[in-house]
Amino acid sequence: MFYVKEKISDSMEVSVEINDENVFCICPSCGCEVNVDLSEVFADGEGDLYSTSIYCSECSKEIKPNCGCK
C-alpha cells in the first residue's frame, strides 16, 4: 500500500491511501481537475511525478490533431 502523509499540526497527522480513485492533477491548459490512474502514467516506464503533465479529455482532443500522433 502506498499513501501520502501530511502533518496538519504538531499533534495531528493524516495518512491517505493512494488508489486509482483519489489521485488528481490540474490540466495545464484549462486548469480543471483531472483524475489520474498512476498505473497508466508509469506503464511505459518513463513517467515521473515531477515532469509529467496530464491534460483533461477536452484539451487532449484539441491538442491531439496538432501533435502528429495517432
PDB file of N, CA and C in Angstrom:
ATOM      1  N   MET A   1       0.850  -1.185   0.000  1.00  0.00           N
ATOM      2  CA  MET A   1       0.000   0.000   0.000  1.00  0.00           C
ATOM      3  C   MET A   1       0.889   1.239   0.000  1.00  0.00           C
ATOM      4  N   PHE A   2       0.569   2.175  -0.872  1.00  0.00           N
ATOM      5  CA  PHE A   2       1.227   3.475  -0.885  1.00  0.00           C
ATOM      6  C   PHE A   2       0.258   4.486  -0.300  1.00  0.00           C
ATOM      7  N   TYR A   3       0.802   5.482   0.376  1.00  0.00           N
ATOM      8  CA  TYR A   3      -0.050   6.502   0.976  1.00  0.00           C
ATOM      9  C   TYR A   3       0.700   7.816   1.040  1.00  0.00           C
ATOM     10  N   VAL A   4      -0.051   8.895   1.201  1.00  0.00           N
ATOM     11  CA  VAL A   4       0.536  10.207   1.448  1.00  0.00           C
ATOM     12  C   VAL A   4       0.296  10.544   2.904  1.00  0.00           C
ATOM     13  N   LYS A   5       1.231  11.307   3.458  1.00  0.00           N
ATOM     14  CA  LYS A   5       1.137  11.676   4.866  1.00  0.00           C
ATOM     15  C   LYS A   5       1.379  13.175   4.963  1.00  0.00           C
ATOM     16  N   GLU A   6       0.512  13.857   5.669  1.00  0.00           N
ATOM     17  CA  GLU A   6       0.618  15.305   5.821  1.00  0.00           C
ATOM     18  C   GLU A   6       0.475  15.667   7.288  1.00  0.00           C
ATOM     19  N   LYS A   7       1.433  16.425   7.781  1.00  0.00           N
ATOM     20  CA  LYS A   7       1.369  16.909   9.157  1.00  0.00           C
ATOM     21  C   LYS A   7       0.509  18.167   9.172  1.00  0.00           C
ATOM     22  N   ILE A   8      -0.590  18.115   9.898  1.00  0.00           N
ATOM     23  CA  ILE A   8      -1.525  19.232   9.959  1.00  0.00           C
ATOM     24  C   ILE A   8      -1.146  20.201  11.070  1.00  0.00           C
ATOM     25  N   SER A   9      -0.690  19.655  12.171  1.00  0.00           N
ATOM     26  CA  SER A   9      -0.218  20.457  13.297  1.00  0.00           C
ATOM     27  C   SER A   9       0.810  19.626  14.050  1.00  0.00           C
ATOM     28  N   ASP A  10       1.340  20.164  15.142  1.00  0.00           N
ATOM     29  CA  ASP A  10       2.318  19.418  15.939  1.00  0.00           C
ATOM     30  C   ASP A  10       1.738  18.133  16.509  1.00  0.00           C
ATOM     31  N   SER A  11       0.426  18.094  16.682  1.00  0.00           N
ATOM     32  CA  SER A  11      -0.189  16.924  17.311  1.00  0.00           C
ATOM     33  C   SER A  11      -1.067  16.100  16.368  1.00  0.00           C
ATOM     34  N   MET A  12      -1.169  16.491  15.095  1.00  0.00           N
ATOM     35  CA  MET A  12      -2.056  15.758  14.192  1.00  0.00           C
ATOM     36  C   MET A  12      -1.391  15.520  12.836  1.00  0.00           C
ATOM     37  N   GLU A  13      -1.558  14.289  12.355  1.00  0.00           N
ATOM     38  CA  GLU A  13      -1.035  13.883  11.064  1.00  0.00           C
ATOM     39  C   GLU A  13      -2.098  13.056  10.355  1.00  0.00           C
ATOM     40  N   VAL A  14      -2.236  13.226   9.051  1.00  0.00           N
ATOM     41  CA  VAL A  14      -3.235  12.491   8.286  1.00  0.00           C
ATOM     42  C   VAL A  14      -2.514  11.621   7.255  1.00  0.00           C
ATOM     43  N   SER A  15      -2.927  10.362   7.150  1.00  0.00           N
ATOM     44  CA  SER A  15      -2.416   9.447   6.131  1.00  0.00           C
ATOM     45  C   SER A  15      -3.578   9.004   5.258  1.00  0.00           C
ATOM     46  N   VAL A  16      -3.375   9.038   3.935  1.00  0.00           N
ATOM     47  CA  VAL A  16      -4.419   8.642   2.998  1.00  0.00           C
ATOM     48  C   VAL A  16      -3.811   7.665   1.996  1.00  0.00           C
ATOM     49  N   GLU A  17      -4.456   6.504   1.842  1.00  0.00           N
ATOM     50  CA  GLU A  17      -4.001   5.511   0.879  1.00  0.00           C
ATOM     51  C   GLU A  17      -4.156   6.047  -0.541  1.00  0.00           C
ATOM     52  N   ILE A  18      -3.154   5.818  -1.379  1.00  0.00           N
ATOM     53  CA  ILE A  18      -3.222   6.213  -2.783  1.00  0.00           C
ATOM     54  C   ILE A  18      -3.844   5.070  -3.567  1.00  0.00           C
ATOM     55  N   ASN A  19      -4.891   5.395  -4.344  1.00  0.00           N
ATOM     56  CA  ASN A  19      -5.517   4.380  -5.197  1.00  0.00           C
ATOM     57  C   ASN A  19      -5.961   5.044  -6.498  1.00  0.00           C
ATOM     58  N   ASP A  20      -6.619   4.300  -7.357  1.00  0.00           N
ATOM     59  CA  ASP A  20      -6.998   4.849  -8.663  1.00  0.00           C
ATOM     60  C   ASP A  20      -8.190   5.798  -8.610  1.00  0.00           C
ATOM     61  N   GLU A  21      -8.721   6.049  -7.425  1.00  0.00           N
ATOM     62  CA  GLU A  21      -9.860   6.954  -7.289  1.00  0.00           C
ATOM     63  C   GLU A  21      -9.520   8.260  -6.586  1.00  0.00           C
ATOM     64  N   ASN A  22      -8.306   8.371  -6.013  1.00  0.00           N
ATOM     65  CA  ASN A  22      -8.029   9.571  -5.229  1.00  0.00           C
ATOM     66  C   ASN A  22      -6.750  10.304  -5.632  1.00  0.00           C
ATOM     67  N   VAL A  23      -6.284  10.091  -6.858  1.00  0.00           N
ATOM     68  CA  VAL A  23      -5.117  10.819  -7.353  1.00  0.00           C
ATOM     69  C   VAL A  23      -5.593  11.770  -8.448  1.00  0.00           C
ATOM     70  N   PHE A  24      -5.228  13.029  -8.312  1.00  0.00           N
ATOM     71  CA  PHE A  24      -5.674  14.063  -9.240  1.00  0.00           C
ATOM     72  C   PHE A  24      -4.518  14.982  -9.600  1.00  0.00           C
ATOM     73  N   CYS A  25      -4.676  15.682 -10.696  1.00  0.00           N
ATOM     74  CA  CYS A  25      -3.766  16.754 -11.068  1.00  0.00           C
ATOM     75  C   CYS A  25      -4.603  17.856 -11.716  1.00  0.00           C
ATOM     76  N   ILE A  26      -3.944  18.933 -12.078  1.00  0.00           N
ATOM     77  CA  ILE A  26      -4.611  20.057 -12.729  1.00  0.00           C
ATOM     78  C   ILE A  26      -4.180  20.083 -14.195  1.00  0.00           C
ATOM     79  N   CYS A  27      -5.145  20.147 -15.099  1.00  0.00           N
ATOM     80  CA  CYS A  27      -4.850  20.242 -16.532  1.00  0.00           C
ATOM     81  C   CYS A  27      -4.034  21.517 -16.768  1.00  0.00           C
ATOM     82  N   PRO A  28      -2.857  21.394 -17.398  1.00  0.00           N
ATOM     83  CA  PRO A  28      -2.022  22.580 -17.610  1.00  0.00           C
ATOM     84  C   PRO A  28      -2.594  23.565 -18.631  1.00  0.00           C
ATOM     85  N   SER A  29      -3.596  23.148 -19.376  1.00  0.00           N
ATOM     86  CA  SER A  29      -4.180  24.024 -20.384  1.00  0.00           C
ATOM     87  C   SER A  29      -5.355  24.831 -19.837  1.00  0.00           C
ATOM     88  N   CYS A  30      -6.327  24.152 -19.218  1.00  0.00           N
ATOM     89  CA  CYS A  30      -7.545  24.846 -18.774  1.00  0.00           C
ATOM     90  C   CYS A  30      -7.669  24.970 -17.255  1.00  0.00           C
ATOM     91  N   GLY A  31      -6.867  24.219 -16.502  1.00  0.00           N
ATOM     92  CA  GLY A  31      -6.888  24.328 -15.048  1.00  0.00           C
ATOM     93  C   GLY A  31      -7.915  23.465 -14.345  1.00  0.00           C
ATOM     94  N   CYS A  32      -8.624  22.609 -15.084  1.00  0.00           N
ATOM     95  CA  CYS A  32      -9.617  21.762 -14.418  1.00  0.00           C
ATOM     96  C   CYS A  32      -8.930  20.571 -13.738  1.00  0.00           C
ATOM     97  N   GLU A  33      -9.623  19.990 -12.779  1.00  0.00           N
ATOM     98  CA  GLU A  33      -9.103  18.838 -12.051  1.00  0.00           C
ATOM     99  C   GLU A  33      -9.268  17.574 -12.895  1.00  0.00           C
ATOM    100  N   VAL A  34      -8.221  16.759 -12.957  1.00  0.00           N
ATOM    101  CA  VAL A  34      -8.219  15.542 -13.763  1.00  0.00           C
ATOM    102  C   VAL A  34      -7.889  14.355 -12.864  1.00  0.00           C
ATOM    103  N   ASN A  35      -8.737  13.323 -12.895  1.00  0.00           N
ATOM    104  CA  ASN A  35      -8.453  12.083 -12.172  1.00  0.00           C
ATOM    105  C   ASN A  35      -7.346  11.343 -12.916  1.00  0.00           C
ATOM    106  N   VAL A  36      -6.348  10.840 -12.176  1.00  0.00           N
ATOM    107  CA  VAL A  36      -5.185  10.210 -12.788  1.00  0.00           C
ATOM    108  C   VAL A  36      -5.036   8.781 -12.293  1.00  0.00           C
ATOM    109  N   ASP A  37      -4.869   7.855 -13.227  1.00  0.00           N
ATOM    110  CA  ASP A  37      -4.550   6.470 -12.890  1.00  0.00           C
ATOM    111  C   ASP A  37      -3.032   6.340 -13.002  1.00  0.00           C
ATOM    112  N   LEU A  38      -2.350   6.278 -11.857  1.00  0.00           N
ATOM    113  CA  LEU A  38      -0.895   6.253 -11.866  1.00  0.00           C
ATOM    114  C   LEU A  38      -0.329   5.042 -12.599  1.00  0.00           C
ATOM    115  N   SER A  39      -1.067   3.936 -12.631  1.00  0.00           N
ATOM    116  CA  SER A  39      -0.568   2.763 -13.358  1.00  0.00           C
ATOM    117  C   SER A  39      -0.462   3.059 -14.853  1.00  0.00           C
ATOM    118  N   GLU A  40      -1.354   3.890 -15.386  1.00  0.00           N
ATOM    119  CA  GLU A  40      -1.270   4.290 -16.795  1.00  0.00           C
ATOM    120  C   GLU A  40      -0.112   5.254 -17.028  1.00  0.00           C
ATOM    121  N   VAL A  41       0.098   6.178 -16.095  1.00  0.00           N
ATOM    122  CA  VAL A  41       1.170   7.163 -16.233  1.00  0.00           C
ATOM    123  C   VAL A  41       2.533   6.471 -16.261  1.00  0.00           C
ATOM    124  N   PHE A  42       2.707   5.456 -15.422  1.00  0.00           N
ATOM    125  CA  PHE A  42       4.005   4.799 -15.310  1.00  0.00           C
ATOM    126  C   PHE A  42       4.130   3.528 -16.145  1.00  0.00           C
ATOM    127  N   ALA A  43       3.124   3.191 -16.940  1.00  0.00           N
ATOM    128  CA  ALA A  43       3.117   1.938 -17.709  1.00  0.00           C
ATOM    129  C   ALA A  43       4.286   1.835 -18.688  1.00  0.00           C
ATOM    130  N   ASP A  44       4.701   2.952 -19.261  1.00  0.00           N
ATOM    131  CA  ASP A  44       5.793   2.901 -20.238  1.00  0.00           C
ATOM    132  C   ASP A  44       7.170   3.015 -19.592  1.00  0.00           C
ATOM    133  N   GLY A  45       7.207   3.165 -18.275  1.00  0.00           N
ATOM    134  CA  GLY A  45       8.480   3.264 -17.564  1.00  0.00           C
ATOM    135  C   GLY A  45       9.148   4.613 -17.670  1.00  0.00           C
ATOM    136  N   GLU A  46       8.480   5.593 -18.262  1.00  0.00           N
ATOM    137  CA  GLU A  46       9.089   6.897 -18.487  1.00  0.00           C
ATOM    138  C   GLU A  46       8.458   8.021 -17.668  1.00  0.00           C
ATOM    139  N   GLY A  47       7.305   7.790 -17.067  1.00  0.00           N
ATOM    140  CA  GLY A  47       6.622   8.844 -16.318  1.00  0.00           C
ATOM    141  C   GLY A  47       7.291   9.131 -14.989  1.00  0.00           C
ATOM    142  N   ASP A  48       7.147  10.347 -14.520  1.00  0.00           N
ATOM    143  CA  ASP A  48       7.581  10.693 -13.169  1.00  0.00           C
ATOM    144  C   ASP A  48       6.635  11.749 -12.608  1.00  0.00           C
ATOM    145  N   LEU A  49       6.599  11.866 -11.311  1.00  0.00           N
ATOM    146  CA  LEU A  49       5.639  12.762 -10.661  1.00  0.00           C
ATOM    147  C   LEU A  49       5.981  14.238 -10.824  1.00  0.00           C
ATOM    148  N   TYR A  50       7.195  14.562 -11.214  1.00  0.00           N
ATOM    149  CA  TYR A  50       7.615  15.951 -11.254  1.00  0.00           C
ATOM    150  C   TYR A  50       7.480  16.599 -12.626  1.00  0.00           C
ATOM    151  N   SER A  51       7.678  15.843 -13.687  1.00  0.00           N
ATOM    152  CA  SER A  51       7.658  16.475 -15.012  1.00  0.00           C
ATOM    153  C   SER A  51       6.505  16.005 -15.900  1.00  0.00           C
ATOM    154  N   THR A  52       5.649  15.137 -15.395  1.00  0.00           N
ATOM    155  CA  THR A  52       4.532  14.632 -16.189  1.00  0.00           C
ATOM    156  C   THR A  52       3.325  15.548 -16.055  1.00  0.00           C
ATOM    157  N   SER A  53       2.734  15.918 -17.185  1.00  0.00           N
ATOM    158  CA  SER A  53       1.503  16.709 -17.197  1.00  0.00           C
ATOM    159  C   SER A  53       0.393  15.862 -17.798  1.00  0.00           C
ATOM    160  N   ILE A  54      -0.784  15.938 -17.213  1.00  0.00           N
ATOM    161  CA  ILE A  54      -1.947  15.216 -17.707  1.00  0.00           C
ATOM    162  C   ILE A  54      -2.992  16.247 -18.127  1.00  0.00           C
ATOM    163  N   TYR A  55      -3.402  16.178 -19.387  1.00  0.00           N
ATOM    164  CA  TYR A  55      -4.427  17.081 -19.896  1.00  0.00           C
ATOM    165  C   TYR A  55      -5.806  16.455 -19.724  1.00  0.00           C
ATOM    166  N   CYS A  56      -6.821  17.279 -19.538  1.00  0.00           N
ATOM    167  CA  CYS A  56      -8.196  16.783 -19.458  1.00  0.00           C
ATOM    168  C   CYS A  56      -8.614  16.269 -20.837  1.00  0.00           C
ATOM    169  N   SER A  57      -9.717  15.557 -20.901  1.00  0.00           N
ATOM    170  CA  SER A  57     -10.145  14.958 -22.173  1.00  0.00           C
ATOM    171  C   SER A  57     -10.469  16.021 -23.224  1.00  0.00           C
ATOM    172  N   GLU A  58     -11.046  17.135 -22.815  1.00  0.00           N
ATOM    173  CA  GLU A  58     -11.382  18.184 -23.788  1.00  0.00           C
ATOM    174  C   GLU A  58     -10.128  18.826 -24.377  1.00  0.00           C
ATOM    175  N   CYS A  59      -9.164  19.159 -23.538  1.00  0.00           N
ATOM    176  CA  CYS A  59      -7.926  19.766 -24.039  1.00  0.00           C
ATOM    177  C   CYS A  59      -7.129  18.759 -24.861  1.00  0.00           C
ATOM    178  N   SER A  60      -7.180  17.486 -24.489  1.00  0.00           N
ATOM    179  CA  SER A  60      -6.493  16.441 -25.260  1.00  0.00           C
ATOM    180  C   SER A  60      -7.042  16.362 -26.675  1.00  0.00           C
ATOM    181  N   LYS A  61      -8.364  16.518 -26.817  1.00  0.00           N
ATOM    182  CA  LYS A  61      -8.983  16.488 -28.149  1.00  0.00           C
ATOM    183  C   LYS A  61      -8.469  17.631 -29.021  1.00  0.00           C
ATOM    184  N   GLU A  62      -8.228  18.794 -28.406  1.00  0.00           N
ATOM    185  CA  GLU A  62      -7.742  19.952 -29.153  1.00  0.00           C
ATOM    186  C   GLU A  62      -6.270  19.805 -29.519  1.00  0.00           C
ATOM    187  N   ILE A  63      -5.490  19.208 -28.633  1.00  0.00           N
ATOM    188  CA  ILE A  63      -4.047  19.085 -28.833  1.00  0.00           C
ATOM    189  C   ILE A  63      -3.696  17.953 -29.791  1.00  0.00           C
ATOM    190  N   LYS A  64      -4.392  16.837 -29.684  1.00  0.00           N
ATOM    191  CA  LYS A  64      -4.032  15.629 -30.432  1.00  0.00           C
ATOM    192  C   LYS A  64      -3.950  15.833 -31.948  1.00  0.00           C
ATOM    193  N   PRO A  65      -4.898  16.524 -32.599  1.00  0.00           N
ATOM    194  CA  PRO A  65      -4.792  16.693 -34.060  1.00  0.00           C
ATOM    195  C   PRO A  65      -3.542  17.462 -34.490  1.00  0.00           C
ATOM    196  N   ASN A  66      -2.992  18.279 -33.610  1.00  0.00           N
ATOM    197  CA  ASN A  66      -1.846  19.116 -33.962  1.00  0.00           C
ATOM    198  C   ASN A  66      -0.500  18.528 -33.553  1.00  0.00           C
ATOM    199  N   CYS A  67      -0.512  17.391 -32.856  1.00  0.00           N
ATOM    200  CA  CYS A  67       0.748  16.874 -32.325  1.00  0.00           C
ATOM    201  C   CYS A  67       1.448  15.905 -33.265  1.00  0.00           C
ATOM    202  N   GLY A  68       0.766  15.449 -34.310  1.00  0.00           N
ATOM    203  CA  GLY A  68       1.369  14.496 -35.227  1.00  0.00           C
ATOM    204  C   GLY A  68       1.304  13.063 -34.741  1.00  0.00           C
ATOM    205  N   CYS A  69       0.592  12.830 -33.627  1.00  0.00           N
ATOM    206  CA  CYS A  69       0.449  11.466 -33.106  1.00  0.00           C
ATOM    207  C   CYS A  69      -0.888  10.888 -33.548  1.00  0.00           C
ATOM    208  N   LYS A  70      -1.030   9.589 -33.372  1.00  0.00           N
ATOM    209  CA  LYS A  70      -2.266   8.920 -33.784  1.00  0.00           C
ATOM    210  C   LYS A  70      -3.274   8.893 -32.672  1.00  0.00           C
TER     211      LYS A  70
END
